[in-house]
Amino acid sequence: MKLIFATNNKHKVREIASLLDDSYTVLGLNDVDIFEDIREDGETLEDNALHKARYVFERTGMNVFADDTGLEVDELNGAPGVHSARFAGENKDPDANITKLLGLLAGKSNRKARFRTVIALIFNKKEYLFEGTVKGEIIDVRRGTEGFGYDPVFLADGYEQTFAEIPLSEKNRISHRARATRKLLNFLSTHHQSQ
């Protein structure tokens, strides 16, 4: 069964494909001749993930899933949230985003935060949502060189190292994206067998 992952990131496509059994063929957007950037201007992560999935489904009619991820900080009432990638501007500069975040949290004692990934799946013309969350806190200095985005300042609950310090294999096991992906994979494995 063919399944489209609404991304142009070949690494993400390969990663998901490696987690699914051989009965699935995972395709990226380039594989189905969609080359444009699908806009992400929804009010929530759910809005953005559903918008991307619907956009691809309308053009291909194929089973598709899309994801969106945000960092939600308690002290900032859930910001940057859906605006995580563009927090410091449209050019999506991760370093500038971290600088802005640390500036807003300077002197604040509540540094609780969570990473949240939402995956929207359109499967046999029905829509499903899967969510993965990792709770933690924002530290005041960048640490580590692995990962991307806010990883250098995010310390997951129960860890001494930031997401940018722990090995990628470990992060991929415990991350918000991994948790949402496991729910998606469980759904696919049970529903595909019942087809």
N, C-alpha and C. Protein backbone atom coordinates (compact mmCIF):
# COMPACT_ATOMS: atom_id res chain seq x y z
N MET A 1 0.83 -1.18 0.00
CA MET A 1 0.00 0.00 0.00
C MET A 1 0.88 1.25 0.00
N LYS A 2 0.54 2.20 -0.86
CA LYS A 2 1.31 3.44 -0.92
C LYS A 2 0.76 4.45 0.07
N LEU A 3 1.68 5.15 0.70
CA LEU A 3 1.33 6.13 1.72
C LEU A 3 2.21 7.35 1.50
N ILE A 4 1.61 8.52 1.37
CA ILE A 4 2.40 9.73 1.16
C ILE A 4 2.67 10.41 2.50
N PHE A 5 3.91 10.80 2.72
CA PHE A 5 4.28 11.63 3.85
C PHE A 5 4.43 13.05 3.28
N ALA A 6 3.60 13.98 3.73
CA ALA A 6 3.57 15.33 3.16
C ALA A 6 4.80 16.14 3.59
N THR A 7 5.94 15.75 3.05
CA THR A 7 7.20 16.45 3.32
C THR A 7 8.11 16.32 2.11
N ASN A 8 9.01 17.29 1.95
CA ASN A 8 10.05 17.18 0.93
C ASN A 8 11.36 16.70 1.53
N ASN A 9 11.34 16.40 2.83
CA ASN A 9 12.54 15.98 3.54
C ASN A 9 12.73 14.46 3.35
N LYS A 10 13.68 14.12 2.48
CA LYS A 10 13.90 12.70 2.16
C LYS A 10 14.33 11.90 3.40
N HIS A 11 15.06 12.55 4.31
CA HIS A 11 15.50 11.89 5.54
C HIS A 11 14.29 11.45 6.37
N LYS A 12 13.30 12.35 6.50
CA LYS A 12 12.09 12.02 7.25
C LYS A 12 11.34 10.86 6.59
N VAL A 13 11.27 10.89 5.26
CA VAL A 13 10.56 9.82 4.53
C VAL A 13 11.24 8.48 4.78
N ARG A 14 12.58 8.44 4.66
CA ARG A 14 13.33 7.19 4.89
C ARG A 14 13.14 6.69 6.32
N GLU A 15 13.17 7.63 7.26
CA GLU A 15 13.03 7.26 8.67
C GLU A 15 11.69 6.56 8.92
N ILE A 16 10.61 7.14 8.40
CA ILE A 16 9.28 6.53 8.58
C ILE A 16 9.21 5.20 7.83
N ALA A 17 9.73 5.17 6.61
CA ALA A 17 9.69 3.94 5.82
C ALA A 17 10.38 2.79 6.55
N SER A 18 11.46 3.11 7.25
CA SER A 18 12.21 2.06 7.96
C SER A 18 11.43 1.50 9.15
N LEU A 19 10.44 2.25 9.62
CA LEU A 19 9.66 1.81 10.78
C LEU A 19 8.42 1.01 10.38
N LEU A 20 8.01 1.13 9.12
CA LEU A 20 6.82 0.42 8.65
C LEU A 20 7.23 -0.90 8.00
N ASP A 21 6.31 -1.86 8.01
CA ASP A 21 6.66 -3.14 7.39
C ASP A 21 6.61 -3.01 5.85
N ASP A 22 7.04 -4.09 5.19
CA ASP A 22 7.21 -4.05 3.73
C ASP A 22 5.91 -3.90 2.95
N SER A 23 4.78 -4.03 3.62
CA SER A 23 3.52 -3.88 2.89
C SER A 23 3.24 -2.41 2.55
N TYR A 24 4.04 -1.49 3.13
CA TYR A 24 3.87 -0.07 2.84
C TYR A 24 5.03 0.46 2.00
N THR A 25 4.69 1.32 1.07
CA THR A 25 5.69 2.10 0.35
C THR A 25 5.44 3.56 0.70
N VAL A 26 6.42 4.19 1.34
CA VAL A 26 6.25 5.59 1.76
C VAL A 26 6.84 6.51 0.69
N LEU A 27 6.03 7.45 0.25
CA LEU A 27 6.45 8.41 -0.77
C LEU A 27 6.52 9.81 -0.17
N GLY A 28 7.45 10.61 -0.65
CA GLY A 28 7.50 12.02 -0.26
C GLY A 28 6.74 12.85 -1.29
N LEU A 29 6.63 14.14 -1.05
CA LEU A 29 5.90 15.02 -1.98
C LEU A 29 6.53 15.02 -3.37
N ASN A 30 7.86 15.02 -3.43
CA ASN A 30 8.53 15.03 -4.74
C ASN A 30 8.15 13.81 -5.56
N ASP A 31 7.90 12.68 -4.88
CA ASP A 31 7.56 11.43 -5.58
C ASP A 31 6.19 11.50 -6.25
N VAL A 32 5.36 12.45 -5.83
CA VAL A 32 4.02 12.59 -6.42
C VAL A 32 3.89 13.96 -7.11
N ASP A 33 5.04 14.51 -7.49
CA ASP A 33 5.10 15.76 -8.27
C ASP A 33 4.46 16.96 -7.58
N ILE A 34 4.59 17.02 -6.27
CA ILE A 34 4.19 18.22 -5.53
C ILE A 34 5.49 18.86 -5.03
N PHE A 35 5.80 20.02 -5.59
CA PHE A 35 7.08 20.66 -5.28
C PHE A 35 6.91 21.96 -4.51
N GLU A 36 5.69 22.48 -4.46
CA GLU A 36 5.49 23.77 -3.78
C GLU A 36 5.52 23.59 -2.26
N ASP A 37 5.84 24.66 -1.57
CA ASP A 37 5.75 24.67 -0.11
C ASP A 37 4.28 24.82 0.26
N ILE A 38 3.77 23.89 1.03
CA ILE A 38 2.37 23.99 1.46
C ILE A 38 2.33 24.95 2.64
N ARG A 39 1.49 25.97 2.55
CA ARG A 39 1.52 27.00 3.60
C ARG A 39 1.05 26.43 4.94
N GLU A 40 1.64 26.98 5.98
CA GLU A 40 1.30 26.57 7.35
C GLU A 40 0.89 27.82 8.12
N ASP A 41 -0.35 28.24 7.93
CA ASP A 41 -0.79 29.47 8.59
C ASP A 41 -2.01 29.23 9.48
N GLY A 42 -2.16 27.98 9.94
CA GLY A 42 -3.27 27.66 10.83
C GLY A 42 -3.05 28.23 12.22
N GLU A 43 -4.11 28.19 13.02
CA GLU A 43 -4.04 28.70 14.41
C GLU A 43 -3.47 27.67 15.37
N THR A 44 -3.49 26.39 14.96
CA THR A 44 -3.01 25.32 15.84
C THR A 44 -2.16 24.34 15.04
N LEU A 45 -1.42 23.49 15.76
CA LEU A 45 -0.64 22.43 15.11
C LEU A 45 -1.58 21.50 14.34
N GLU A 46 -2.74 21.22 14.95
CA GLU A 46 -3.73 20.35 14.31
C GLU A 46 -4.17 20.94 12.97
N ASP A 47 -4.46 22.27 12.97
CA ASP A 47 -4.87 22.95 11.73
C ASP A 47 -3.83 22.75 10.63
N ASN A 48 -2.57 22.99 10.97
CA ASN A 48 -1.50 22.91 9.97
C ASN A 48 -1.33 21.49 9.44
N ALA A 49 -1.32 20.51 10.34
CA ALA A 49 -1.14 19.12 9.91
C ALA A 49 -2.30 18.68 9.01
N LEU A 50 -3.53 19.02 9.41
CA LEU A 50 -4.70 18.66 8.59
C LEU A 50 -4.68 19.38 7.25
N HIS A 51 -4.30 20.65 7.26
CA HIS A 51 -4.25 21.41 6.01
C HIS A 51 -3.30 20.76 5.01
N LYS A 52 -2.10 20.39 5.49
CA LYS A 52 -1.11 19.76 4.60
C LYS A 52 -1.63 18.42 4.08
N ALA A 53 -2.21 17.62 4.98
CA ALA A 53 -2.72 16.30 4.55
C ALA A 53 -3.86 16.45 3.54
N ARG A 54 -4.78 17.39 3.80
CA ARG A 54 -5.91 17.59 2.88
C ARG A 54 -5.43 18.10 1.52
N TYR A 55 -4.46 19.00 1.54
CA TYR A 55 -3.90 19.57 0.31
C TYR A 55 -3.39 18.45 -0.59
N VAL A 56 -2.62 17.53 0.00
CA VAL A 56 -2.04 16.43 -0.77
C VAL A 56 -3.12 15.44 -1.19
N PHE A 57 -4.05 15.15 -0.28
CA PHE A 57 -5.13 14.20 -0.60
C PHE A 57 -5.97 14.71 -1.78
N GLU A 58 -6.28 16.02 -1.78
CA GLU A 58 -7.09 16.58 -2.86
C GLU A 58 -6.40 16.45 -4.22
N ARG A 59 -5.06 16.50 -4.23
CA ARG A 59 -4.33 16.41 -5.49
C ARG A 59 -4.05 14.99 -5.93
N THR A 60 -4.01 14.05 -4.98
CA THR A 60 -3.59 12.69 -5.34
C THR A 60 -4.66 11.63 -5.10
N GLY A 61 -5.56 11.87 -4.15
CA GLY A 61 -6.55 10.87 -3.78
C GLY A 61 -5.96 9.69 -3.01
N MET A 62 -4.67 9.82 -2.62
CA MET A 62 -3.98 8.71 -1.95
C MET A 62 -3.97 8.90 -0.44
N ASN A 63 -3.77 7.80 0.28
CA ASN A 63 -3.59 7.88 1.74
C ASN A 63 -2.38 8.76 2.03
N VAL A 64 -2.51 9.68 2.99
CA VAL A 64 -1.45 10.65 3.24
C VAL A 64 -1.41 11.01 4.73
N PHE A 65 -0.21 11.34 5.22
CA PHE A 65 -0.13 11.91 6.55
C PHE A 65 0.84 13.09 6.54
N ALA A 66 0.61 14.00 7.47
CA ALA A 66 1.43 15.20 7.59
C ALA A 66 1.60 15.50 9.07
N ASP A 67 2.70 16.19 9.40
CA ASP A 67 2.90 16.51 10.81
C ASP A 67 3.22 17.98 11.00
N ASP A 68 3.01 18.46 12.21
CA ASP A 68 3.46 19.78 12.61
C ASP A 68 3.90 19.68 14.06
N THR A 69 4.92 20.45 14.39
CA THR A 69 5.51 20.39 15.73
C THR A 69 5.69 21.79 16.27
N GLY A 70 5.49 21.93 17.58
CA GLY A 70 5.73 23.22 18.21
C GLY A 70 6.28 23.05 19.61
N LEU A 71 6.95 24.10 20.07
CA LEU A 71 7.41 24.18 21.45
C LEU A 71 6.42 25.07 22.19
N GLU A 72 5.87 24.56 23.29
CA GLU A 72 4.88 25.31 24.06
C GLU A 72 5.45 25.60 25.45
N VAL A 73 5.58 26.89 25.77
CA VAL A 73 6.20 27.32 27.02
C VAL A 73 5.13 27.89 27.94
N ASP A 74 5.02 27.34 29.16
CA ASP A 74 3.98 27.76 30.10
C ASP A 74 4.00 29.26 30.36
N GLU A 75 5.16 29.79 30.69
CA GLU A 75 5.29 31.21 31.04
C GLU A 75 4.82 32.13 29.91
N LEU A 76 4.88 31.62 28.68
CA LEU A 76 4.50 32.42 27.50
C LEU A 76 3.12 32.01 26.98
N ASN A 77 2.31 31.44 27.87
CA ASN A 77 0.95 31.01 27.51
C ASN A 77 0.91 30.11 26.28
N GLY A 78 1.88 29.20 26.21
CA GLY A 78 1.89 28.23 25.12
C GLY A 78 2.68 28.67 23.89
N ALA A 79 3.18 29.91 23.89
CA ALA A 79 4.01 30.35 22.77
C ALA A 79 5.39 29.70 22.91
N PRO A 80 6.15 29.58 21.82
CA PRO A 80 5.81 29.99 20.45
C PRO A 80 4.80 29.07 19.76
N GLY A 81 4.61 27.85 20.25
CA GLY A 81 3.56 26.97 19.72
C GLY A 81 3.59 26.81 18.22
N VAL A 82 2.45 27.11 17.60
CA VAL A 82 2.30 26.93 16.15
C VAL A 82 3.25 27.84 15.37
N HIS A 83 3.78 28.87 16.02
CA HIS A 83 4.70 29.81 15.36
C HIS A 83 6.17 29.50 15.66
N SER A 84 6.46 28.29 16.16
CA SER A 84 7.81 27.95 16.60
C SER A 84 8.89 28.21 15.55
N ALA A 85 8.65 27.80 14.32
CA ALA A 85 9.69 27.94 13.28
C ALA A 85 9.93 29.40 12.91
N ARG A 86 8.88 30.23 13.01
CA ARG A 86 8.99 31.64 12.59
C ARG A 86 8.93 32.59 13.79
N PHE A 87 9.28 32.12 14.96
CA PHE A 87 9.13 32.90 16.19
C PHE A 87 9.85 34.24 16.11
N ALA A 88 11.04 34.26 15.51
CA ALA A 88 11.82 35.50 15.44
C ALA A 88 11.78 36.11 14.04
N GLY A 89 10.91 35.59 13.16
CA GLY A 89 10.81 36.16 11.81
C GLY A 89 10.60 35.10 10.75
N GLU A 90 10.24 35.57 9.56
CA GLU A 90 9.87 34.69 8.45
C GLU A 90 11.03 33.85 7.92
N ASN A 91 12.28 34.23 8.22
CA ASN A 91 13.39 33.47 7.65
C ASN A 91 13.70 32.19 8.42
N LYS A 92 12.91 31.88 9.45
CA LYS A 92 13.02 30.60 10.18
C LYS A 92 14.43 30.36 10.70
N ASP A 93 15.02 31.34 11.36
CA ASP A 93 16.39 31.22 11.88
C ASP A 93 16.35 30.62 13.29
N PRO A 94 16.80 29.35 13.44
CA PRO A 94 16.72 28.68 14.75
C PRO A 94 17.48 29.43 15.84
N ASP A 95 18.63 30.00 15.50
CA ASP A 95 19.43 30.70 16.49
C ASP A 95 18.70 31.96 16.99
N ALA A 96 18.12 32.69 16.05
CA ALA A 96 17.36 33.89 16.42
C ALA A 96 16.13 33.51 17.25
N ASN A 97 15.49 32.39 16.92
CA ASN A 97 14.34 31.92 17.69
C ASN A 97 14.73 31.65 19.15
N ILE A 98 15.86 30.98 19.34
CA ILE A 98 16.33 30.66 20.69
C ILE A 98 16.67 31.95 21.44
N THR A 99 17.35 32.87 20.78
CA THR A 99 17.71 34.15 21.40
C THR A 99 16.46 34.89 21.87
N LYS A 100 15.43 34.93 21.03
CA LYS A 100 14.18 35.60 21.41
C LYS A 100 13.53 34.89 22.60
N LEU A 101 13.49 33.56 22.55
CA LEU A 101 12.89 32.78 23.64
C LEU A 101 13.61 33.04 24.96
N LEU A 102 14.95 32.96 24.94
CA LEU A 102 15.71 33.17 26.18
C LEU A 102 15.53 34.60 26.70
N GLY A 103 15.41 35.55 25.79
CA GLY A 103 15.17 36.94 26.20
C GLY A 103 13.84 37.10 26.92
N LEU A 104 12.81 36.45 26.39
CA LEU A 104 11.47 36.53 27.00
C LEU A 104 11.42 35.83 28.35
N LEU A 105 12.26 34.81 28.54
CA LEU A 105 12.25 34.04 29.79
C LEU A 105 13.27 34.55 30.81
N ALA A 106 14.06 35.55 30.44
CA ALA A 106 15.09 36.07 31.36
C ALA A 106 14.44 36.50 32.68
N GLY A 107 14.99 35.98 33.79
CA GLY A 107 14.49 36.33 35.11
C GLY A 107 13.21 35.64 35.52
N LYS A 108 12.67 34.80 34.66
CA LYS A 108 11.41 34.09 34.99
C LYS A 108 11.74 32.76 35.66
N SER A 109 10.94 32.39 36.66
CA SER A 109 11.22 31.13 37.36
C SER A 109 10.48 29.95 36.73
N ASN A 110 9.31 30.19 36.14
CA ASN A 110 8.57 29.09 35.51
C ASN A 110 9.11 28.89 34.10
N ARG A 111 9.90 27.83 33.94
CA ARG A 111 10.51 27.55 32.64
C ARG A 111 9.99 26.23 32.05
N LYS A 112 8.85 25.77 32.59
CA LYS A 112 8.26 24.52 32.10
C LYS A 112 7.84 24.68 30.63
N ALA A 113 8.08 23.62 29.86
CA ALA A 113 7.75 23.65 28.44
C ALA A 113 7.47 22.24 27.96
N ARG A 114 6.92 22.15 26.79
CA ARG A 114 6.74 20.83 26.18
C ARG A 114 6.86 20.97 24.67
N PHE A 115 7.43 19.93 24.07
CA PHE A 115 7.42 19.79 22.63
C PHE A 115 6.19 18.95 22.30
N ARG A 116 5.45 19.37 21.27
CA ARG A 116 4.26 18.62 20.88
C ARG A 116 4.25 18.45 19.36
N THR A 117 4.07 17.20 18.93
CA THR A 117 3.91 16.89 17.51
C THR A 117 2.51 16.35 17.28
N VAL A 118 1.87 16.85 16.23
CA VAL A 118 0.57 16.34 15.81
C VAL A 118 0.72 15.77 14.40
N ILE A 119 0.26 14.55 14.22
CA ILE A 119 0.24 13.93 12.89
C ILE A 119 -1.21 13.79 12.46
N ALA A 120 -1.50 14.31 11.26
CA ALA A 120 -2.84 14.14 10.67
C ALA A 120 -2.72 13.08 9.58
N LEU A 121 -3.61 12.12 9.62
CA LEU A 121 -3.63 11.03 8.64
C LEU A 121 -4.97 11.03 7.93
N ILE A 122 -4.93 10.95 6.60
CA ILE A 122 -6.15 10.68 5.83
C ILE A 122 -5.96 9.28 5.26
N PHE A 123 -6.77 8.36 5.76
CA PHE A 123 -6.63 6.94 5.44
C PHE A 123 -8.00 6.41 5.04
N ASN A 124 -8.08 5.87 3.83
CA ASN A 124 -9.38 5.43 3.29
C ASN A 124 -10.44 6.53 3.42
N LYS A 125 -10.01 7.76 3.11
CA LYS A 125 -10.88 8.95 3.06
C LYS A 125 -11.39 9.41 4.42
N LYS A 126 -10.85 8.85 5.51
CA LYS A 126 -11.22 9.30 6.86
C LYS A 126 -10.02 10.00 7.49
N GLU A 127 -10.30 10.99 8.35
CA GLU A 127 -9.23 11.76 8.99
C GLU A 127 -9.00 11.29 10.43
N TYR A 128 -7.72 11.20 10.79
CA TYR A 128 -7.31 10.79 12.15
C TYR A 128 -6.20 11.73 12.62
N LEU A 129 -6.12 11.94 13.93
CA LEU A 129 -5.05 12.74 14.53
C LEU A 129 -4.32 11.93 15.59
N PHE A 130 -3.00 12.08 15.62
CA PHE A 130 -2.16 11.41 16.63
C PHE A 130 -1.24 12.47 17.23
N GLU A 131 -1.07 12.42 18.54
CA GLU A 131 -0.26 13.43 19.21
C GLU A 131 0.83 12.80 20.06
N GLY A 132 1.98 13.43 20.07
CA GLY A 132 3.08 13.02 20.94
C GLY A 132 3.61 14.23 21.68
N THR A 133 3.87 14.07 22.97
CA THR A 133 4.34 15.19 23.79
C THR A 133 5.52 14.76 24.65
N VAL A 134 6.49 15.65 24.80
CA VAL A 134 7.58 15.47 25.76
C VAL A 134 7.63 16.72 26.62
N LYS A 135 7.51 16.51 27.94
CA LYS A 135 7.57 17.63 28.88
C LYS A 135 9.00 17.86 29.33
N GLY A 136 9.29 19.11 29.67
CA GLY A 136 10.63 19.45 30.13
C GLY A 136 10.69 20.90 30.56
N GLU A 137 11.87 21.49 30.39
CA GLU A 137 12.03 22.89 30.75
C GLU A 137 13.05 23.54 29.82
N ILE A 138 13.01 24.87 29.80
CA ILE A 138 13.96 25.65 29.00
C ILE A 138 15.09 26.10 29.92
N ILE A 139 16.32 25.74 29.56
CA ILE A 139 17.48 26.19 30.36
C ILE A 139 17.96 27.53 29.80
N ASP A 140 18.85 28.23 30.54
CA ASP A 140 19.18 29.58 30.08
C ASP A 140 20.39 29.69 29.16
N VAL A 141 21.09 28.59 28.90
CA VAL A 141 22.21 28.65 27.94
C VAL A 141 22.12 27.47 26.98
N ARG A 142 22.56 27.68 25.76
CA ARG A 142 22.57 26.61 24.76
C ARG A 142 23.60 25.56 25.15
N ARG A 143 23.21 24.28 24.97
CA ARG A 143 24.16 23.18 25.23
C ARG A 143 23.96 22.11 24.17
N GLY A 144 25.07 21.72 23.54
CA GLY A 144 25.01 20.61 22.59
C GLY A 144 24.95 21.07 21.14
N THR A 145 25.31 20.15 20.25
CA THR A 145 25.37 20.48 18.82
C THR A 145 24.52 19.55 17.96
N GLU A 146 23.93 18.54 18.58
CA GLU A 146 23.05 17.63 17.82
C GLU A 146 21.68 18.28 17.68
N GLY A 147 20.80 17.59 16.96
CA GLY A 147 19.42 18.06 16.88
C GLY A 147 19.29 19.35 16.10
N PHE A 148 18.16 20.02 16.27
CA PHE A 148 17.89 21.26 15.53
C PHE A 148 16.84 22.06 16.30
N GLY A 149 16.53 23.24 15.78
CA GLY A 149 15.50 24.07 16.41
C GLY A 149 15.87 24.44 17.84
N TYR A 150 14.95 24.18 18.74
CA TYR A 150 15.12 24.57 20.15
C TYR A 150 15.85 23.51 20.98
N ASP A 151 16.33 22.45 20.35
CA ASP A 151 16.96 21.34 21.07
C ASP A 151 18.06 21.77 22.05
N PRO A 152 18.91 22.77 21.71
CA PRO A 152 20.01 23.13 22.64
C PRO A 152 19.55 23.72 23.98
N VAL A 153 18.30 24.18 24.07
CA VAL A 153 17.84 24.77 25.34
C VAL A 153 16.70 23.96 25.98
N PHE A 154 16.37 22.79 25.38
CA PHE A 154 15.27 21.98 25.93
C PHE A 154 15.82 20.79 26.70
N LEU A 155 15.46 20.74 27.97
CA LEU A 155 15.88 19.65 28.86
C LEU A 155 14.63 18.83 29.19
N ALA A 156 14.55 17.62 28.67
CA ALA A 156 13.38 16.77 28.91
C ALA A 156 13.37 16.30 30.37
N ASP A 157 12.17 16.16 30.93
CA ASP A 157 12.03 15.66 32.31
C ASP A 157 12.78 14.34 32.45
N GLY A 158 13.58 14.24 33.52
CA GLY A 158 14.32 13.01 33.79
C GLY A 158 15.67 12.93 33.10
N TYR A 159 16.05 13.95 32.36
CA TYR A 159 17.32 13.95 31.65
C TYR A 159 18.23 15.06 32.16
N GLU A 160 19.53 14.78 32.15
CA GLU A 160 20.54 15.78 32.53
C GLU A 160 21.07 16.51 31.30
N GLN A 161 20.82 15.93 30.13
CA GLN A 161 21.33 16.49 28.89
C GLN A 161 20.19 17.07 28.05
N THR A 162 20.51 18.14 27.30
CA THR A 162 19.50 18.72 26.41
C THR A 162 19.27 17.79 25.22
N PHE A 163 18.23 18.08 24.47
CA PHE A 163 17.95 17.31 23.24
C PHE A 163 19.10 17.45 22.24
N ALA A 164 19.91 18.50 22.37
CA ALA A 164 21.05 18.68 21.46
C ALA A 164 22.31 17.97 21.96
N GLU A 165 22.24 17.40 23.18
CA GLU A 165 23.39 16.69 23.74
C GLU A 165 23.21 15.17 23.70
N ILE A 166 21.97 14.71 23.77
CA ILE A 166 21.78 13.26 23.78
C ILE A 166 21.95 12.72 22.35
N PRO A 167 22.41 11.48 22.21
CA PRO A 167 22.59 10.91 20.87
C PRO A 167 21.26 10.89 20.11
N LEU A 168 21.32 11.07 18.80
CA LEU A 168 20.13 11.12 17.97
C LEU A 168 19.29 9.85 18.13
N SER A 169 19.95 8.70 18.26
CA SER A 169 19.21 7.44 18.41
C SER A 169 18.35 7.46 19.67
N GLU A 170 18.88 8.05 20.75
CA GLU A 170 18.12 8.17 22.00
C GLU A 170 16.99 9.18 21.85
N LYS A 171 17.30 10.33 21.23
CA LYS A 171 16.26 11.35 21.03
C LYS A 171 15.12 10.78 20.19
N ASN A 172 15.47 10.03 19.14
CA ASN A 172 14.44 9.46 18.27
C ASN A 172 13.57 8.44 18.99
N ARG A 173 14.08 7.90 20.09
CA ARG A 173 13.31 6.92 20.86
C ARG A 173 12.32 7.61 21.80
N ILE A 174 12.70 8.77 22.34
CA ILE A 174 11.87 9.40 23.39
C ILE A 174 11.17 10.67 22.94
N SER A 175 11.44 11.14 21.73
CA SER A 175 10.95 12.46 21.33
C SER A 175 9.44 12.49 21.11
N HIS A 176 8.92 13.70 21.07
CA HIS A 176 7.51 13.97 20.77
C HIS A 176 7.14 13.40 19.41
N ARG A 177 8.03 13.57 18.42
CA ARG A 177 7.75 13.05 17.09
C ARG A 177 7.71 11.52 17.11
N ALA A 178 8.64 10.91 17.87
CA ALA A 178 8.66 9.45 17.98
C ALA A 178 7.36 8.94 18.61
N ARG A 179 6.89 9.64 19.63
CA ARG A 179 5.66 9.20 20.32
C ARG A 179 4.44 9.30 19.41
N ALA A 180 4.34 10.39 18.66
CA ALA A 180 3.22 10.54 17.72
C ALA A 180 3.34 9.50 16.60
N THR A 181 4.56 9.28 16.13
CA THR A 181 4.78 8.32 15.05
C THR A 181 4.42 6.91 15.48
N ARG A 182 4.75 6.54 16.74
CA ARG A 182 4.39 5.20 17.23
C ARG A 182 2.87 5.01 17.20
N LYS A 183 2.13 6.05 17.57
CA LYS A 183 0.65 5.95 17.53
C LYS A 183 0.17 5.76 16.09
N LEU A 184 0.78 6.50 15.17
CA LEU A 184 0.44 6.35 13.75
C LEU A 184 0.74 4.93 13.28
N LEU A 185 1.93 4.43 13.61
CA LEU A 185 2.34 3.08 13.18
C LEU A 185 1.43 2.01 13.76
N ASN A 186 1.05 2.16 15.03
CA ASN A 186 0.13 1.20 15.65
C ASN A 186 -1.20 1.18 14.92
N PHE A 187 -1.70 2.37 14.59
CA PHE A 187 -2.96 2.48 13.85
C PHE A 187 -2.85 1.78 12.50
N LEU A 188 -1.77 2.09 11.78
CA LEU A 188 -1.60 1.52 10.43
C LEU A 188 -1.47 0.00 10.48
N SER A 189 -0.72 -0.51 11.46
CA SER A 189 -0.54 -1.96 11.51
C SER A 189 -1.84 -2.68 11.83
N THR A 190 -2.68 -2.10 12.70
CA THR A 190 -3.94 -2.77 13.02
C THR A 190 -4.96 -2.60 11.91
N HIS A 191 -4.99 -1.43 11.26
CA HIS A 191 -5.99 -1.19 10.21
C HIS A 191 -5.63 -1.85 8.89
N HIS A 192 -4.35 -1.98 8.63
CA HIS A 192 -3.95 -2.59 7.37
C HIS A 192 -4.25 -4.08 7.40
N GLN A 193 -4.07 -4.70 8.56
CA GLN A 193 -4.33 -6.14 8.66
C GLN A 193 -5.83 -6.43 8.54
N SER A 194 -6.64 -5.44 8.93
CA SER A 194 -8.09 -5.69 8.90
C SER A 194 -8.69 -5.36 7.53
N GLN A 195 -7.85 -4.91 6.60
CA GLN A 195 -8.36 -4.56 5.26
C GLN A 195 -8.75 -5.82 4.49
